[in-house]
Amino acid sequence: MTSILVVEDEADLRDMLSESLEQAGYDTRTAGTVSEARRKIENSTPDLVLLDWMLPDASGLQWLRQIRRMSKFTNLPVIMLTARGEIDDRVSGLDSGADDYLVKPFSLKELHARIRSQLRKHNDVMQQERVELGGIILEIDTHRVMAGAHEIRLAPTEFRLLKHFMTHSDRVYSRGQLLDAVWGHQIFIEERTVDVHIRRLRKALESVGKADLIQTVRGAGYRMSTRSG
């Protein structure tokens, strides 16, 4: 049975979410603080986490950054639940490693759809252990990127961007298409955000002489290819 950990300090909302998820057939556990969530996730890793941003003992966002640095949690799907709906807050959540973002109040119907979507994506990704292109090896399960004996350190967003490029090599993507694929179609941010992360990704690849794999196609967008031009 698919298990979900609900980390939410508001008791009424926590109980409502737990009941709704159990009715949908999920094995549901709950936590009201980061310390409680930490104990539960270390004892038994869930299949997905619903994580509130503001928790009484620590920020859910800070805890998310911490667990993303632990290899066994790098691929754990996490959906942020928060009242903070500003664009910068959404981007901050995604850049910290969240897979999706729901602003309160939200409908249970939408929540269930987002959960199903993340579980499908997770299952698809885990079927691939690693991808290789142009001397770059991307390990899905450990979130490691290697070039020979050198490990390339990437932030969560750059990792997702590189994974998308490597699993769709030679195909040109517009900025809008990359926003949908990497950030999600529900996140409304400026297209220039893509350019910022492309520059960060290229800088990381430059350290191993692979920056030219990420190519700009004038008037169209970006692609990753071992072929020049």
Foldseek 3Di string as FASTA:
>chain_A
DAEEEEAAQPVVVQVVLQVVVVVVPYHYHYHQAPVRVVVVCVVPNGQAYEAEQDGDPDGSLVSLLVVCVPQQCVLRAYEYEYQDDDLVVLVSSVQSRHPYYDHPPDDPVVVVVVVVVSSVVSVVLVVDQWFDDPQWIAGSRRRWIDRVPDTQDDGNLLSLLVVVQRVVAPDFAALLRSCCRRVNPVRDDDSCVVVVSLVVNLVSVVVVPQSQQWDADPPTHIHGYPDHD
